[in-house]
Amino acid sequence: MEEKLRVVAKKSLGQNFLNNAGVPRAMADAAELTPSDTVLEIGPGTGALTKELLLRAARVIAIETDSRAIEVLEDVFAPEIRSGKLTLISGDIRSYDLYALGVKAGSYKLVANIPYYLSGFLFRTFLEHTLQPSTIVFLVQKEVAERITRDKKESLLSLSVKAYGDPRYVQTVKKGNFTPQPKIDSAIIAITEISKKRLNGVLEKDFFTLLHEGFKSRRKQLLGNLSALYSREVVAGTLETLGLPQDIRAEDLPLQTWVSLALNLKVHS
């Protein structure tokens, strides 16, 4: 695409532009886009993914912080902008008011090739927000995608994602699919069935306080870590009630066991 030559990637913005049209197609497939969908894209850059999203969805809302990219996108997608199919917003997602998008919770899908350094922030922001998307498809570091979906042991990251949706490793994307080429491979991760129902009535604040405390010291057993919040006797009794060994570690508990743990400990708070 000619427009790619007009925007030199900025390292400070974590920009790595897609150069293979097969990757946007795979991302759109993972999002299971339909002609009635509204899609939010963060950091469209030169528009490689935007182009595919516009082919499949009813409407695309794209937020871009780089004024150089905005200029290119306004030129390349002028007809789509005029028709209202593409809404192009100049802004930084880290400070943007999501309510200004005019979307409702569960009424849109989030599909984006995001800067590596924003991965944690964007997962947390959109999964915890009252305006949750129904589906998230991100292109992230391969290591991050594997930690969420493939590791045998749980982590603070994997459980924080699973608390809100069902994550799936879609496919590996080799570093050669980007310009400039990053030092590591990426992967497409899809999170579907996003909601707040998995916490089974446990307050998010209470759940994540428990989760963070449980993972506070990876070398310590869960009994020791959680004794900072509850008495050792209470934690030991709760583990026994749930049929869990006293020497279990935080990484050994799946999401539903964490929820059960939170519910049982709640009576002692």
C-alpha atoms as a PDB file:
ATOM      1  CA  MET A   1       0.000   0.000   0.000  1.00  0.00           C
ATOM      2  CA  GLU A   2       1.421   3.384  -0.991  1.00  0.00           C
ATOM      3  CA  GLU A   3       0.297   5.035   2.235  1.00  0.00           C
ATOM      4  CA  LYS A   4       2.700   2.911   4.276  1.00  0.00           C
ATOM      5  CA  LEU A   5       5.595   4.852   2.772  1.00  0.00           C
ATOM      6  CA  ARG A   6       4.152   8.076   4.103  1.00  0.00           C
ATOM      7  CA  VAL A   7       4.260   7.104   7.792  1.00  0.00           C
ATOM      8  CA  VAL A   8       7.549   6.045   9.361  1.00  0.00           C
ATOM      9  CA  ALA A   9       6.892   3.975  12.479  1.00  0.00           C
ATOM     10  CA  LYS A  10       7.683   5.717  15.755  1.00  0.00           C
ATOM     11  CA  LYS A  11       9.416   3.586  18.351  1.00  0.00           C
ATOM     12  CA  SER A  12       8.019   5.821  21.105  1.00  0.00           C
ATOM     13  CA  LEU A  13       4.472   4.833  20.052  1.00  0.00           C
ATOM     14  CA  GLY A  14       5.300   1.129  19.783  1.00  0.00           C
ATOM     15  CA  GLN A  15       4.306   1.162  16.121  1.00  0.00           C
ATOM     16  CA  ASN A  16       4.792  -1.975  14.025  1.00  0.00           C
ATOM     17  CA  PHE A  17       2.639  -1.831  10.894  1.00  0.00           C
ATOM     18  CA  LEU A  18       1.182  -5.000   9.370  1.00  0.00           C
ATOM     19  CA  ASN A  19       2.484  -5.796   5.883  1.00  0.00           C
ATOM     20  CA  ASN A  20       0.595  -9.037   5.221  1.00  0.00           C
ATOM     21  CA  ALA A  21      -3.142  -8.870   4.400  1.00  0.00           C
ATOM     22  CA  GLY A  22      -3.567 -12.427   5.647  1.00  0.00           C
ATOM     23  CA  VAL A  23      -3.170 -11.303   9.263  1.00  0.00           C
ATOM     24  CA  PRO A  24      -6.097  -8.816   9.222  1.00  0.00           C
ATOM     25  CA  ARG A  25      -8.241 -11.523   7.595  1.00  0.00           C
ATOM     26  CA  ALA A  26      -7.339 -13.966  10.369  1.00  0.00           C
ATOM     27  CA  MET A  27      -8.171 -11.359  13.007  1.00  0.00           C
ATOM     28  CA  ALA A  28     -11.541 -10.576  11.410  1.00  0.00           C
ATOM     29  CA  ASP A  29     -12.265 -14.305  11.205  1.00  0.00           C
ATOM     30  CA  ALA A  30     -11.411 -14.707  14.893  1.00  0.00           C
ATOM     31  CA  ALA A  31     -13.826 -11.907  15.767  1.00  0.00           C
ATOM     32  CA  GLU A  32     -16.528 -13.636  13.689  1.00  0.00           C
ATOM     33  CA  LEU A  33     -17.506 -10.309  12.197  1.00  0.00           C
ATOM     34  CA  THR A  34     -20.900  -9.955  10.537  1.00  0.00           C
ATOM     35  CA  PRO A  35     -22.397  -7.201   8.338  1.00  0.00           C
ATOM     36  CA  SER A  36     -24.354  -5.918  11.348  1.00  0.00           C
ATOM     37  CA  ASP A  37     -21.363  -5.510  13.696  1.00  0.00           C
ATOM     38  CA  THR A  38     -19.890  -2.329  15.111  1.00  0.00           C
ATOM     39  CA  VAL A  39     -16.126  -2.613  15.573  1.00  0.00           C
ATOM     40  CA  LEU A  40     -13.747  -0.513  17.636  1.00  0.00           C
ATOM     41  CA  GLU A  41     -10.150  -0.422  16.431  1.00  0.00           C
ATOM     42  CA  ILE A  42      -7.327   1.068  18.500  1.00  0.00           C
ATOM     43  CA  GLY A  43      -4.265   2.377  16.686  1.00  0.00           C
ATOM     44  CA  PRO A  44      -5.216   1.775  13.032  1.00  0.00           C
ATOM     45  CA  GLY A  45      -1.851   3.123  11.845  1.00  0.00           C
ATOM     46  CA  THR A  46      -1.709   2.867   8.073  1.00  0.00           C
ATOM     47  CA  GLY A  47      -5.079   1.114   7.864  1.00  0.00           C
ATOM     48  CA  ALA A  48      -4.169  -2.476   6.958  1.00  0.00           C
ATOM     49  CA  LEU A  49      -6.577  -3.902   9.533  1.00  0.00           C
ATOM     50  CA  THR A  50      -9.088  -1.063   9.083  1.00  0.00           C
ATOM     51  CA  LYS A  51      -9.515  -2.010   5.436  1.00  0.00           C
ATOM     52  CA  GLU A  52     -10.503  -5.580   6.337  1.00  0.00           C
ATOM     53  CA  LEU A  53     -12.825  -4.467   9.139  1.00  0.00           C
ATOM     54  CA  LEU A  54     -14.652  -2.106   6.761  1.00  0.00           C
ATOM     55  CA  LEU A  55     -15.204  -4.966   4.324  1.00  0.00           C
ATOM     56  CA  ARG A  56     -16.959  -7.054   6.969  1.00  0.00           C
ATOM     57  CA  ALA A  57     -18.642  -4.822   9.529  1.00  0.00           C
ATOM     58  CA  ALA A  58     -21.461  -2.305   9.416  1.00  0.00           C
ATOM     59  CA  ARG A  59     -19.443   0.379  11.155  1.00  0.00           C
ATOM     60  CA  VAL A  60     -15.858   0.897  12.336  1.00  0.00           C
ATOM     61  CA  ILE A  61     -14.752   3.350  15.005  1.00  0.00           C
ATOM     62  CA  ALA A  62     -10.988   3.888  14.923  1.00  0.00           C
ATOM     63  CA  ILE A  63      -8.975   5.790  17.550  1.00  0.00           C
ATOM     64  CA  GLU A  64      -5.497   6.948  16.527  1.00  0.00           C
ATOM     65  CA  THR A  65      -3.025   9.069  18.506  1.00  0.00           C
ATOM     66  CA  ASP A  66      -0.533   9.726  15.673  1.00  0.00           C
ATOM     67  CA  SER A  67      -1.492  12.836  13.672  1.00  0.00           C
ATOM     68  CA  ARG A  68       0.573  11.615  10.702  1.00  0.00           C
ATOM     69  CA  ALA A  69      -1.469   8.415  10.537  1.00  0.00           C
ATOM     70  CA  ILE A  70      -4.709  10.396  10.881  1.00  0.00           C
ATOM     71  CA  GLU A  71      -3.786  12.365   7.758  1.00  0.00           C
ATOM     72  CA  VAL A  72      -3.142   9.168   5.795  1.00  0.00           C
ATOM     73  CA  LEU A  73      -6.318   7.476   7.005  1.00  0.00           C
ATOM     74  CA  GLU A  74      -8.459  10.508   6.150  1.00  0.00           C
ATOM     75  CA  ASP A  75      -7.103  10.342   2.622  1.00  0.00           C
ATOM     76  CA  VAL A  76      -7.263   6.562   2.092  1.00  0.00           C
ATOM     77  CA  PHE A  77     -10.705   6.094   3.624  1.00  0.00           C
ATOM     78  CA  ALA A  78     -12.324   9.386   2.612  1.00  0.00           C
ATOM     79  CA  PRO A  79     -15.418   7.689   1.060  1.00  0.00           C
ATOM     80  CA  GLU A  80     -16.015   5.532   4.151  1.00  0.00           C
ATOM     81  CA  ILE A  81     -15.638   8.551   6.433  1.00  0.00           C
ATOM     82  CA  ARG A  82     -18.090  10.581   4.337  1.00  0.00           C
ATOM     83  CA  SER A  83     -20.641   7.781   4.384  1.00  0.00           C
ATOM     84  CA  GLY A  84     -20.352   7.351   8.148  1.00  0.00           C
ATOM     85  CA  LYS A  85     -19.132   3.777   7.885  1.00  0.00           C
ATOM     86  CA  LEU A  86     -15.803   4.823   9.409  1.00  0.00           C
ATOM     87  CA  THR A  87     -15.569   7.177  12.363  1.00  0.00           C
ATOM     88  CA  LEU A  88     -11.979   8.311  12.794  1.00  0.00           C
ATOM     89  CA  ILE A  89     -11.083   9.768  16.183  1.00  0.00           C
ATOM     90  CA  SER A  90      -7.846  11.577  16.946  1.00  0.00           C
ATOM     91  CA  GLY A  91      -7.023  10.720  20.542  1.00  0.00           C
ATOM     92  CA  ASP A  92      -5.053   8.660  23.038  1.00  0.00           C
ATOM     93  CA  ILE A  93      -6.985   5.619  24.270  1.00  0.00           C
ATOM     94  CA  ARG A  94      -5.297   5.951  27.672  1.00  0.00           C
ATOM     95  CA  SER A  95      -7.150   9.185  28.365  1.00  0.00           C
ATOM     96  CA  TYR A  96     -10.160   8.861  26.060  1.00  0.00           C
ATOM     97  CA  ASP A  97     -13.646   8.804  27.585  1.00  0.00           C
ATOM     98  CA  LEU A  98     -15.144   5.538  26.322  1.00  0.00           C
ATOM     99  CA  TYR A  99     -18.661   6.820  26.955  1.00  0.00           C
ATOM    100  CA  ALA A 100     -18.044   9.356  24.171  1.00  0.00           C
ATOM    101  CA  LEU A 101     -18.028   6.457  21.676  1.00  0.00           C
ATOM    102  CA  GLY A 102     -21.794   6.215  21.982  1.00  0.00           C
ATOM    103  CA  VAL A 103     -21.796   2.416  22.226  1.00  0.00           C
ATOM    104  CA  LYS A 104     -23.519   0.147  24.728  1.00  0.00           C
ATOM    105  CA  ALA A 105     -22.010  -2.713  26.687  1.00  0.00           C
ATOM    106  CA  GLY A 106     -21.925  -5.875  24.615  1.00  0.00           C
ATOM    107  CA  SER A 107     -22.961  -4.035  21.440  1.00  0.00           C
ATOM    108  CA  TYR A 108     -19.545  -3.862  19.755  1.00  0.00           C
ATOM    109  CA  LYS A 109     -16.388  -5.867  19.132  1.00  0.00           C
ATOM    110  CA  LEU A 110     -12.844  -4.682  19.796  1.00  0.00           C
ATOM    111  CA  VAL A 111     -10.267  -5.720  17.191  1.00  0.00           C
ATOM    112  CA  ALA A 112      -6.779  -4.219  17.176  1.00  0.00           C
ATOM    113  CA  ASN A 113      -3.076  -4.592  16.505  1.00  0.00           C
ATOM    114  CA  ILE A 114      -1.936  -2.979  19.737  1.00  0.00           C
ATOM    115  CA  PRO A 115       1.465  -1.725  20.918  1.00  0.00           C
ATOM    116  CA  TYR A 116       3.078  -4.328  23.158  1.00  0.00           C
ATOM    117  CA  TYR A 117       3.478  -1.890  26.044  1.00  0.00           C
ATOM    118  CA  LEU A 118      -0.275  -1.207  26.134  1.00  0.00           C
ATOM    119  CA  SER A 119      -1.387  -4.852  26.320  1.00  0.00           C
ATOM    120  CA  GLY A 120      -1.961  -5.004  30.064  1.00  0.00           C
ATOM    121  CA  PHE A 121      -3.650  -1.618  30.179  1.00  0.00           C
ATOM    122  CA  LEU A 122      -6.054  -2.435  27.338  1.00  0.00           C
ATOM    123  CA  PHE A 123      -6.997  -5.871  28.666  1.00  0.00           C
ATOM    124  CA  ARG A 124      -7.716  -4.374  32.059  1.00  0.00           C
ATOM    125  CA  THR A 125      -9.544  -1.288  30.761  1.00  0.00           C
ATOM    126  CA  PHE A 126     -11.953  -3.024  28.420  1.00  0.00           C
ATOM    127  CA  LEU A 127     -12.609  -6.141  30.492  1.00  0.00           C
ATOM    128  CA  GLU A 128     -13.314  -4.224  33.690  1.00  0.00           C
ATOM    129  CA  HIS A 129     -15.208  -1.312  32.117  1.00  0.00           C
ATOM    130  CA  THR A 130     -18.996  -1.048  32.317  1.00  0.00           C
ATOM    131  CA  LEU A 131     -18.909  -0.689  28.506  1.00  0.00           C
ATOM    132  CA  GLN A 132     -17.406  -4.126  27.871  1.00  0.00           C
ATOM    133  CA  PRO A 133     -17.214  -5.302  24.245  1.00  0.00           C
ATOM    134  CA  SER A 134     -18.795  -8.654  23.430  1.00  0.00           C
ATOM    135  CA  THR A 135     -15.524  -9.885  21.892  1.00  0.00           C
ATOM    136  CA  ILE A 136     -11.898  -8.810  21.960  1.00  0.00           C
ATOM    137  CA  VAL A 137      -9.337  -9.811  19.334  1.00  0.00           C
ATOM    138  CA  PHE A 138      -5.841  -8.493  19.927  1.00  0.00           C
ATOM    139  CA  LEU A 139      -2.497  -8.991  18.230  1.00  0.00           C
ATOM    140  CA  VAL A 140      -0.075  -9.214  21.157  1.00  0.00           C
ATOM    141  CA  GLN A 141       3.298 -10.644  22.102  1.00  0.00           C
ATOM    142  CA  LYS A 142       3.271 -14.404  21.610  1.00  0.00           C
ATOM    143  CA  GLU A 143       4.489 -14.878  25.167  1.00  0.00           C
ATOM    144  CA  VAL A 144       1.527 -12.899  26.546  1.00  0.00           C
ATOM    145  CA  ALA A 145      -1.006 -14.879  24.508  1.00  0.00           C
ATOM    146  CA  GLU A 146       0.555 -18.167  25.644  1.00  0.00           C
ATOM    147  CA  ARG A 147       0.589 -17.104  29.290  1.00  0.00           C
ATOM    148  CA  ILE A 148      -3.144 -16.389  29.118  1.00  0.00           C
ATOM    149  CA  THR A 149      -4.254 -19.429  27.141  1.00  0.00           C
ATOM    150  CA  ARG A 150      -1.660 -22.203  27.144  1.00  0.00           C
ATOM    151  CA  ASP A 151       0.308 -22.231  30.398  1.00  0.00           C
ATOM    152  CA  LYS A 152      -0.470 -25.191  32.657  1.00  0.00           C
ATOM    153  CA  LYS A 153      -0.140 -22.885  35.663  1.00  0.00           C
ATOM    154  CA  GLU A 154      -2.413 -19.893  36.161  1.00  0.00           C
ATOM    155  CA  SER A 155      -1.061 -16.362  36.571  1.00  0.00           C
ATOM    156  CA  LEU A 156      -2.417 -13.043  37.705  1.00  0.00           C
ATOM    157  CA  LEU A 157      -2.778 -12.118  34.027  1.00  0.00           C
ATOM    158  CA  SER A 158      -4.531 -15.305  32.909  1.00  0.00           C
ATOM    159  CA  LEU A 159      -7.029 -15.227  35.773  1.00  0.00           C
ATOM    160  CA  SER A 160      -7.698 -11.514  35.278  1.00  0.00           C
ATOM    161  CA  VAL A 161      -8.729 -12.279  31.693  1.00  0.00           C
ATOM    162  CA  LYS A 162     -10.642 -15.487  32.467  1.00  0.00           C
ATOM    163  CA  ALA A 163     -12.648 -13.643  35.129  1.00  0.00           C
ATOM    164  CA  TYR A 164     -14.444 -11.867  32.284  1.00  0.00           C
ATOM    165  CA  GLY A 165     -14.312 -14.058  29.182  1.00  0.00           C
ATOM    166  CA  ASP A 166     -13.141 -17.174  27.378  1.00  0.00           C
ATOM    167  CA  PRO A 167      -9.645 -16.619  25.910  1.00  0.00           C
ATOM    168  CA  ARG A 168      -8.404 -18.575  22.893  1.00  0.00           C
ATOM    169  CA  TYR A 169      -5.039 -18.699  21.162  1.00  0.00           C
ATOM    170  CA  VAL A 170      -5.869 -18.210  17.482  1.00  0.00           C
ATOM    171  CA  GLN A 171      -2.532 -18.341  15.711  1.00  0.00           C
ATOM    172  CA  THR A 172       1.097 -17.262  15.796  1.00  0.00           C
ATOM    173  CA  VAL A 173       2.085 -14.249  13.693  1.00  0.00           C
ATOM    174  CA  LYS A 174       5.777 -14.252  12.792  1.00  0.00           C
ATOM    175  CA  LYS A 175       7.769 -11.047  13.223  1.00  0.00           C
ATOM    176  CA  GLY A 176       8.287 -10.774   9.452  1.00  0.00           C
ATOM    177  CA  ASN A 177       4.630  -9.766   9.072  1.00  0.00           C
ATOM    178  CA  PHE A 178       5.438  -6.304  10.482  1.00  0.00           C
ATOM    179  CA  THR A 179       7.273  -3.199   9.341  1.00  0.00           C
ATOM    180  CA  PRO A 180       9.547  -2.444  11.090  1.00  0.00           C
ATOM    181  CA  GLN A 181      10.169  -6.016  12.164  1.00  0.00           C
ATOM    182  CA  PRO A 182       9.963  -6.507  15.936  1.00  0.00           C
ATOM    183  CA  LYS A 183      12.431  -8.727  17.782  1.00  0.00           C
ATOM    184  CA  ILE A 184       9.810 -11.290  18.803  1.00  0.00           C
ATOM    185  CA  ASP A 185       6.824 -13.094  17.316  1.00  0.00           C
ATOM    186  CA  SER A 186       3.243 -12.095  18.018  1.00  0.00           C
ATOM    187  CA  ALA A 187      -0.012 -14.005  18.297  1.00  0.00           C
ATOM    188  CA  ILE A 188      -3.707 -13.397  17.764  1.00  0.00           C
ATOM    189  CA  ILE A 189      -5.746 -13.899  20.910  1.00  0.00           C
ATOM    190  CA  ALA A 190      -9.541 -13.862  20.982  1.00  0.00           C
ATOM    191  CA  ILE A 191     -11.658 -13.374  24.104  1.00  0.00           C
ATOM    192  CA  THR A 192     -15.330 -14.218  23.673  1.00  0.00           C
ATOM    193  CA  GLU A 193     -18.493 -14.382  25.803  1.00  0.00           C
ATOM    194  CA  ILE A 194     -17.321 -11.343  27.758  1.00  0.00           C
ATOM    195  CA  SER A 195     -19.419 -10.481  30.822  1.00  0.00           C
ATOM    196  CA  LYS A 196     -19.174  -9.979  34.587  1.00  0.00           C
ATOM    197  CA  LYS A 197     -21.187 -13.082  35.449  1.00  0.00           C
ATOM    198  CA  ARG A 198     -18.210 -15.357  36.117  1.00  0.00           C
ATOM    199  CA  LEU A 199     -17.528 -13.744  39.479  1.00  0.00           C
ATOM    200  CA  ASN A 200     -20.854 -15.104  40.722  1.00  0.00           C
ATOM    201  CA  GLY A 201     -21.747 -12.026  42.736  1.00  0.00           C
ATOM    202  CA  VAL A 202     -18.307 -11.436  44.232  1.00  0.00           C
ATOM    203  CA  LEU A 203     -17.410  -7.747  44.030  1.00  0.00           C
ATOM    204  CA  GLU A 204     -14.628  -7.118  41.507  1.00  0.00           C
ATOM    205  CA  LYS A 205     -12.675  -5.072  44.052  1.00  0.00           C
ATOM    206  CA  ASP A 206     -12.802  -7.892  46.620  1.00  0.00           C
ATOM    207  CA  PHE A 207     -11.966 -10.564  44.069  1.00  0.00           C
ATOM    208  CA  PHE A 208      -8.900  -8.787  42.713  1.00  0.00           C
ATOM    209  CA  THR A 209      -7.687  -7.839  46.176  1.00  0.00           C
ATOM    210  CA  LEU A 210      -7.753 -11.546  47.034  1.00  0.00           C
ATOM    211  CA  LEU A 211      -6.129 -12.494  43.720  1.00  0.00           C
ATOM    212  CA  HIS A 212      -3.302  -9.966  44.047  1.00  0.00           C
ATOM    213  CA  GLU A 213      -2.609 -11.043  47.618  1.00  0.00           C
ATOM    214  CA  GLY A 214      -2.591 -14.698  46.606  1.00  0.00           C
ATOM    215  CA  PHE A 215       0.070 -14.039  43.960  1.00  0.00           C
ATOM    216  CA  LYS A 216       2.028 -11.540  46.035  1.00  0.00           C
ATOM    217  CA  SER A 217       4.868 -13.938  46.739  1.00  0.00           C
ATOM    218  CA  ARG A 218       5.221 -16.694  44.146  1.00  0.00           C
ATOM    219  CA  ARG A 219       7.482 -18.718  46.420  1.00  0.00           C
ATOM    220  CA  LYS A 220       4.986 -18.818  49.253  1.00  0.00           C
ATOM    221  CA  GLN A 221       1.998 -21.117  49.539  1.00  0.00           C
ATOM    222  CA  LEU A 222      -1.488 -19.658  49.253  1.00  0.00           C
ATOM    223  CA  LEU A 223      -2.049 -20.187  52.979  1.00  0.00           C
ATOM    224  CA  GLY A 224       0.839 -17.904  53.815  1.00  0.00           C
ATOM    225  CA  ASN A 225      -0.026 -15.216  51.273  1.00  0.00           C
ATOM    226  CA  LEU A 226      -3.700 -14.960  52.216  1.00  0.00           C
ATOM    227  CA  SER A 227      -2.870 -14.805  55.917  1.00  0.00           C
ATOM    228  CA  ALA A 228      -2.144 -11.124  55.276  1.00  0.00           C
ATOM    229  CA  LEU A 229      -5.888 -10.630  54.735  1.00  0.00           C
ATOM    230  CA  TYR A 230      -7.394 -13.236  57.069  1.00  0.00           C
ATOM    231  CA  SER A 231      -6.185 -15.174  60.068  1.00  0.00           C
ATOM    232  CA  ARG A 232      -4.179 -18.283  59.256  1.00  0.00           C
ATOM    233  CA  GLU A 233      -6.863 -20.406  60.933  1.00  0.00           C
ATOM    234  CA  VAL A 234      -9.620 -18.949  58.730  1.00  0.00           C
ATOM    235  CA  VAL A 235      -7.637 -19.496  55.536  1.00  0.00           C
ATOM    236  CA  ALA A 236      -6.680 -23.049  56.557  1.00  0.00           C
ATOM    237  CA  GLY A 237     -10.298 -23.869  57.411  1.00  0.00           C
ATOM    238  CA  THR A 238     -11.539 -22.462  54.096  1.00  0.00           C
ATOM    239  CA  LEU A 239      -9.018 -24.502  52.119  1.00  0.00           C
ATOM    240  CA  GLU A 240     -10.136 -27.605  53.984  1.00  0.00           C
ATOM    241  CA  THR A 241     -13.812 -26.800  53.321  1.00  0.00           C
ATOM    242  CA  LEU A 242     -13.085 -26.546  49.595  1.00  0.00           C
ATOM    243  CA  GLY A 243     -11.101 -29.795  49.631  1.00  0.00           C
ATOM    244  CA  LEU A 244      -7.827 -28.045  48.820  1.00  0.00           C
ATOM    245  CA  PRO A 245      -4.443 -29.111  50.240  1.00  0.00           C
ATOM    246  CA  GLN A 246      -2.860 -26.776  52.772  1.00  0.00           C
ATOM    247  CA  ASP A 247       0.303 -26.441  50.671  1.00  0.00           C
ATOM    248  CA  ILE A 248      -1.444 -25.376  47.451  1.00  0.00           C
ATOM    249  CA  ARG A 249      -0.116 -22.349  45.579  1.00  0.00           C
ATOM    250  CA  ALA A 250      -2.033 -19.569  43.840  1.00  0.00           C
ATOM    251  CA  GLU A 251      -0.986 -20.757  40.379  1.00  0.00           C
ATOM    252  CA  ASP A 252      -2.667 -24.136  40.973  1.00  0.00           C
ATOM    253  CA  LEU A 253      -6.206 -22.759  41.373  1.00  0.00           C
ATOM    254  CA  PRO A 254      -8.490 -22.338  38.332  1.00  0.00           C
ATOM    255  CA  LEU A 255     -10.858 -19.386  38.140  1.00  0.00           C
ATOM    256  CA  GLN A 256     -13.924 -21.083  39.604  1.00  0.00           C
ATOM    257  CA  THR A 257     -11.955 -22.231  42.645  1.00  0.00           C
ATOM    258  CA  TRP A 258     -10.802 -18.659  43.185  1.00  0.00           C
ATOM    259  CA  VAL A 259     -14.426 -17.517  43.034  1.00  0.00           C
ATOM    260  CA  SER A 260     -15.421 -20.200  45.554  1.00  0.00           C
ATOM    261  CA  LEU A 261     -12.535 -19.148  47.773  1.00  0.00           C
ATOM    262  CA  ALA A 262     -13.673 -15.521  47.630  1.00  0.00           C
ATOM    263  CA  LEU A 263     -17.263 -16.465  48.457  1.00  0.00           C
ATOM    264  CA  ASN A 264     -16.234 -18.604  51.424  1.00  0.00           C
ATOM    265  CA  LEU A 265     -13.818 -16.026  52.820  1.00  0.00           C
ATOM    266  CA  LYS A 266     -16.369 -13.242  52.406  1.00  0.00           C
ATOM    267  CA  VAL A 267     -18.225 -14.382  55.529  1.00  0.00           C
ATOM    268  CA  HIS A 268     -15.099 -13.676  57.572  1.00  0.00           C
ATOM    269  CA  SER A 269     -14.554 -10.140  56.287  1.00  0.00           C
END
